[in-house]
Protein backbone atom coordinates (compact mmCIF):
# COMPACT_ATOMS: atom_id res chain seq x y z
CA MET A 1 -2.04 26.12 9.52
CA ILE A 2 -5.28 25.69 11.48
CA VAL A 3 -6.07 22.13 12.60
CA GLU A 4 -9.63 21.33 13.70
CA ARG A 5 -10.90 18.17 15.37
CA SER A 6 -14.13 16.18 15.52
CA GLY A 7 -14.11 12.76 17.19
CA ILE A 8 -10.95 10.99 16.06
CA MET A 9 -10.67 13.06 12.87
CA THR A 10 -8.62 16.19 12.28
CA TRP A 11 -8.97 18.65 9.43
CA ARG A 12 -6.64 21.18 7.88
CA ARG A 13 -6.28 22.85 4.51
CA ASP A 14 -3.32 23.28 2.22
CA GLY A 15 -4.63 25.94 -0.11
CA SER A 16 -7.56 24.44 -2.00
CA ILE A 17 -6.81 20.87 -0.82
CA GLY A 18 -8.33 19.53 2.41
CA ILE A 19 -6.52 16.99 4.57
CA LEU A 20 -8.71 14.73 6.69
CA ALA A 21 -6.67 12.61 9.10
CA ILE A 22 -7.51 9.76 11.47
CA ASP A 23 -5.76 10.69 14.72
CA ASN A 24 -6.15 8.15 17.53
CA PRO A 25 -2.68 6.93 18.56
CA THR A 26 -1.11 4.53 18.30
CA GLN A 27 -2.93 2.48 15.67
CA ASN A 28 -5.73 4.94 14.82
CA ARG A 29 -8.36 2.51 16.05
CA ILE A 30 -11.98 3.50 15.49
CA PRO A 31 -13.79 3.64 18.87
CA ALA A 32 -17.30 3.87 17.39
CA PRO A 33 -18.84 3.66 13.91
CA ASP A 34 -19.85 7.34 14.09
CA PHE A 35 -16.24 8.47 14.39
CA ALA A 36 -16.92 12.18 13.70
CA GLU A 37 -19.81 14.65 13.82
CA HIS A 38 -21.80 14.66 10.58
CA ASP A 39 -22.41 18.41 10.56
CA ARG A 40 -18.75 19.16 11.32
CA LEU A 41 -17.54 16.92 8.49
CA LEU A 42 -20.05 18.55 6.15
CA GLU A 43 -18.78 21.97 7.23
CA TRP A 44 -15.20 20.93 6.47
CA ILE A 45 -15.75 19.42 3.04
CA GLY A 46 -18.45 21.84 1.92
CA PRO A 47 -16.64 25.10 0.98
CA ALA A 48 -17.14 26.05 -2.66
CA ASP A 49 -13.43 26.70 -3.26
CA LEU A 50 -12.30 23.25 -2.13
CA ARG A 51 -10.79 21.27 -5.03
CA GLY A 52 -9.85 17.92 -3.48
CA ILE A 53 -9.48 15.96 -0.26
CA ILE A 54 -6.72 13.68 0.97
CA VAL A 55 -7.69 11.20 3.71
CA THR A 56 -4.82 9.77 5.75
CA GLY A 57 -3.85 8.45 9.15
CA ASN A 58 -1.49 10.29 11.50
CA GLY A 59 1.50 8.22 12.59
CA LYS A 60 2.55 4.79 11.33
CA HIS A 61 -0.88 3.45 10.35
CA PHE A 62 -3.91 4.51 8.36
CA SER A 63 -6.19 2.64 10.78
CA ALA A 64 -6.09 -0.80 12.38
CA GLY A 65 -9.89 -0.86 12.45
CA ALA A 66 -12.41 -0.98 15.26
CA ASP A 67 -11.55 -0.87 18.94
CA ILE A 68 -12.81 -4.38 19.71
CA ASP A 69 -13.22 -3.82 23.46
CA LYS A 70 -15.45 -0.80 22.84
CA LEU A 71 -17.35 -2.71 20.16
CA ARG A 72 -18.13 -5.54 22.60
CA VAL A 73 -19.53 -3.00 25.06
CA ALA A 74 -21.57 -1.27 22.33
CA ALA A 75 -23.01 -4.63 21.22
CA ARG A 76 -24.87 -4.90 24.53
CA ASP A 77 -27.22 -2.22 23.15
CA PRO A 78 -28.21 -3.48 19.66
CA GLU A 79 -30.47 -0.52 18.88
CA GLY A 80 -27.81 1.98 19.89
CA LEU A 81 -25.18 0.12 17.88
CA ALA A 82 -27.43 0.06 14.81
CA ALA A 83 -27.99 3.82 15.08
CA SER A 84 -24.24 4.38 15.43
CA LEU A 85 -23.58 2.25 12.33
CA GLU A 86 -26.12 4.24 10.32
CA ARG A 87 -24.50 7.52 11.39
CA GLY A 88 -21.11 6.13 10.42
CA LYS A 89 -22.41 5.10 7.01
CA ARG A 90 -23.74 8.61 6.44
CA LEU A 91 -20.26 9.97 7.19
CA LEU A 92 -18.73 7.74 4.53
CA ASP A 93 -21.53 8.63 2.12
CA LEU A 94 -20.43 12.26 2.44
CA LEU A 95 -16.96 11.26 1.28
CA GLU A 96 -18.13 8.97 -1.50
CA ASN A 97 -20.60 11.51 -2.87
CA LEU A 98 -18.13 14.38 -3.10
CA GLU A 99 -18.06 16.16 -6.46
CA ILE A 100 -14.32 16.74 -6.07
CA PRO A 101 -11.62 14.03 -6.10
CA SER A 102 -10.63 12.23 -2.91
CA ILE A 103 -7.46 10.22 -2.30
CA ALA A 104 -6.76 7.83 0.57
CA ALA A 105 -3.04 8.04 1.45
CA ILE A 106 -2.37 4.72 3.19
CA ARG A 107 0.59 3.59 5.25
CA GLY A 108 0.82 0.62 7.59
CA ALA A 109 -2.37 -1.14 8.67
CA CYS A 110 -5.62 -0.47 6.80
CA PHE A 111 -8.01 -2.93 8.42
CA GLY A 112 -11.75 -3.27 8.93
CA GLY A 113 -13.40 0.09 9.46
CA GLY A 114 -10.22 1.83 8.34
CA LEU A 115 -10.40 0.04 5.00
CA GLU A 116 -14.08 1.00 4.74
CA ILE A 117 -13.04 4.66 5.08
CA ALA A 118 -10.40 4.18 2.37
CA LEU A 119 -12.96 2.52 0.07
CA ALA A 120 -15.17 5.61 0.29
CA CYS A 121 -12.40 7.56 -1.46
CA HIS A 122 -11.99 7.68 -5.23
CA ILE A 123 -8.29 6.72 -5.32
CA ARG A 124 -6.03 4.74 -2.96
CA VAL A 125 -2.29 5.48 -2.79
CA CYS A 126 -0.38 3.12 -0.51
CA GLY A 127 3.16 2.57 0.69
CA HIS A 128 5.13 -0.62 0.13
CA ASN A 129 4.52 -1.37 3.83
CA ALA A 130 0.71 -1.09 3.64
CA LEU A 131 -1.41 -4.05 4.74
CA PHE A 132 -5.10 -4.54 3.97
CA ALA A 133 -7.64 -6.83 5.63
CA PHE A 134 -11.23 -7.34 6.66
CA PRO A 135 -10.69 -9.46 9.80
CA GLU A 136 -14.28 -9.22 11.05
CA ALA A 137 -15.15 -12.85 10.25
CA ASN A 138 -12.46 -13.94 12.71
CA LEU A 139 -14.61 -12.27 15.38
CA GLY A 140 -17.89 -13.68 14.09
CA ILE A 141 -19.13 -10.48 12.46
CA LEU A 142 -18.88 -8.76 9.07
CA PRO A 143 -17.93 -5.23 7.94
CA GLY A 144 -20.54 -2.76 9.15
CA LEU A 145 -19.75 0.53 7.37
CA ALA A 146 -20.83 -0.53 3.86
CA GLY A 147 -17.70 -2.57 3.20
CA THR A 148 -19.84 -5.38 1.79
CA VAL A 149 -21.24 -2.84 -0.70
CA ARG A 150 -18.14 -0.90 -1.72
CA LEU A 151 -15.54 -3.69 -1.89
CA PRO A 152 -17.43 -5.87 -4.44
CA ARG A 153 -17.89 -2.80 -6.64
CA ARG A 154 -14.14 -2.34 -6.54
CA ILE A 155 -12.72 -5.88 -6.87
CA GLY A 156 -15.73 -8.06 -7.69
CA PRO A 157 -17.85 -10.42 -5.54
CA GLY A 158 -15.53 -13.45 -5.68
CA ARG A 159 -12.41 -11.73 -4.42
CA SER A 160 -14.51 -9.83 -1.89
CA LEU A 161 -15.82 -13.09 -0.44
CA GLU A 162 -12.23 -14.32 -0.15
CA MET A 163 -11.32 -11.22 1.84
CA PHE A 164 -14.44 -11.27 4.00
CA LEU A 165 -14.52 -15.00 4.80
CA GLY A 166 -10.80 -15.72 4.63
CA GLY A 167 -9.84 -12.82 6.85
CA ASP A 168 -6.42 -12.82 5.19
CA THR A 169 -4.06 -9.86 5.18
CA LEU A 170 -3.00 -8.56 1.76
CA ASP A 171 0.25 -6.75 1.13
CA ALA A 172 0.48 -3.73 -1.13
CA GLU A 173 1.46 -5.72 -4.21
CA ARG A 174 -1.50 -8.09 -3.89
CA ALA A 175 -3.85 -5.17 -3.22
CA MET A 176 -2.57 -3.51 -6.38
CA ALA A 177 -2.93 -6.72 -8.41
CA ILE A 178 -6.63 -7.12 -7.55
CA GLY A 179 -7.49 -3.45 -7.98
CA LEU A 180 -7.88 -2.54 -4.32
CA ALA A 181 -4.94 -0.13 -4.46
CA ASP A 182 -4.23 2.28 -7.34
CA HIS A 183 -0.63 3.34 -6.67
CA ILE A 184 2.30 1.96 -4.64
CA VAL A 185 5.06 4.33 -3.56
CA PRO A 186 7.85 4.33 -0.93
CA PRO A 187 6.31 4.80 2.55
CA GLY A 188 8.01 8.14 3.07
CA ASP A 189 6.58 9.53 -0.16
CA ILE A 190 2.90 8.61 0.31
CA PHE A 191 1.56 12.00 1.32
CA ASP A 192 3.69 14.03 -1.11
CA TYR A 193 2.80 11.69 -3.98
CA SER A 194 -0.90 11.96 -3.10
CA MET A 195 -0.68 15.75 -2.98
CA GLN A 196 1.14 15.92 -6.32
CA LEU A 197 -1.41 13.57 -7.89
CA MET A 198 -4.26 15.68 -6.56
CA LYS A 199 -2.74 18.92 -7.81
CA LYS A 200 -2.12 17.35 -11.22
CA MET A 201 -5.82 16.53 -11.45
CA VAL A 202 -7.30 19.78 -10.18
CA ASP A 203 -4.88 22.74 -10.14
CA GLU A 204 -4.94 23.66 -13.83
CA ARG A 205 -8.59 22.75 -14.40
CA PRO A 206 -11.66 24.95 -13.96
CA LEU A 207 -13.49 23.78 -10.85
CA LYS A 208 -16.68 23.36 -12.92
CA LEU A 209 -14.83 20.88 -15.15
CA VAL A 210 -13.44 18.95 -12.16
CA LYS A 211 -16.87 18.60 -10.60
CA SER A 212 -18.51 17.72 -13.90
CA ILE A 213 -16.09 14.86 -14.58
CA VAL A 214 -16.41 13.51 -11.04
CA ARG A 215 -20.20 13.72 -11.34
CA ALA A 216 -20.20 11.84 -14.66
CA VAL A 217 -17.99 9.05 -13.31
CA LYS A 218 -20.12 8.77 -10.18
CA LYS A 219 -23.25 8.51 -12.33
CA SER A 220 -21.68 5.70 -14.31
CA MET A 221 -21.28 3.71 -11.09
CA THR A 222 -24.74 4.26 -9.66
CA ALA A 223 -27.19 4.58 -12.55
CA HIS A 224 -28.38 2.43 -15.43
CA PRO A 225 -25.95 2.78 -18.39
CA ASP A 226 -28.59 4.53 -20.51
CA GLU A 227 -29.18 7.12 -17.80
CA ALA A 228 -25.44 7.56 -17.25
CA MET A 229 -24.89 8.17 -20.97
CA ARG A 230 -27.70 10.72 -21.08
CA GLU A 231 -26.07 12.51 -18.15
CA GLU A 232 -22.72 12.43 -19.96
CA THR A 233 -24.34 14.06 -23.00
CA ARG A 234 -25.98 16.73 -20.86
CA ILE A 235 -22.71 17.54 -19.07
CA PHE A 236 -20.75 17.56 -22.34
CA CYS A 237 -23.12 20.05 -23.93
CA ASP A 238 -23.07 22.25 -20.83
CA LEU A 239 -19.26 22.34 -20.84
CA ALA A 240 -19.11 22.84 -24.61
CA ARG A 241 -21.08 26.08 -24.28
CA ASP A 242 -18.19 27.49 -22.26
CA ILE A 243 -15.69 26.90 -25.09
CA SER A 244 -17.92 27.97 -27.98
CA PRO A 245 -16.93 31.12 -29.95
CA GLY A 246 -18.15 34.37 -28.52
CA ARG A 247 -18.42 33.19 -24.93
């Protein structure tokens, strides 16, 4: 199986499923907001036969977040840091805007920038040992890779403020209770469970149907309800033509 690398990210394929892994031992810290090359990531996730992506962390942790020492150095150049943050946000936009399902398979620490990566995925599967936090306020900053945008959409503004300002660490059960996590499984089963879930969603479905459903759900989250419903109607009619007699 061919493994490719860009920045701290590795990429491999298991048939029609792509596996994107954070690989920066030992805690998969993120040395810079632009943690991979945009064009390389686009090349990986762009093939027309790809049906889903699993995002994970190699080793014991998904990601413990930013490398604080490197962040302090980067902060000496505000313009350079801002540009790096914008590049990082574009990387996560690529994940969020996929027209195929994405699953974050989370073990151990999922903090700060690591949690922002997980939030860009459609589904989060975590182990019983997973821990979630946005500790940035403890350092006098806030999440910088669109965490303040994606988390409230997921769990609401009130609970998001608690996470951002409290800086508390949530265990898997609490993350599940507030809607941050979607599934909890034994730590040793995280990847296999994620792969089985992905295959259940995409293996027996026409790729056009998979992409159409993902597109409709995405539209419901980003557009006015009236526009989203019109898009649903358009997609429904397009799919219905494929099952009509004589086709």
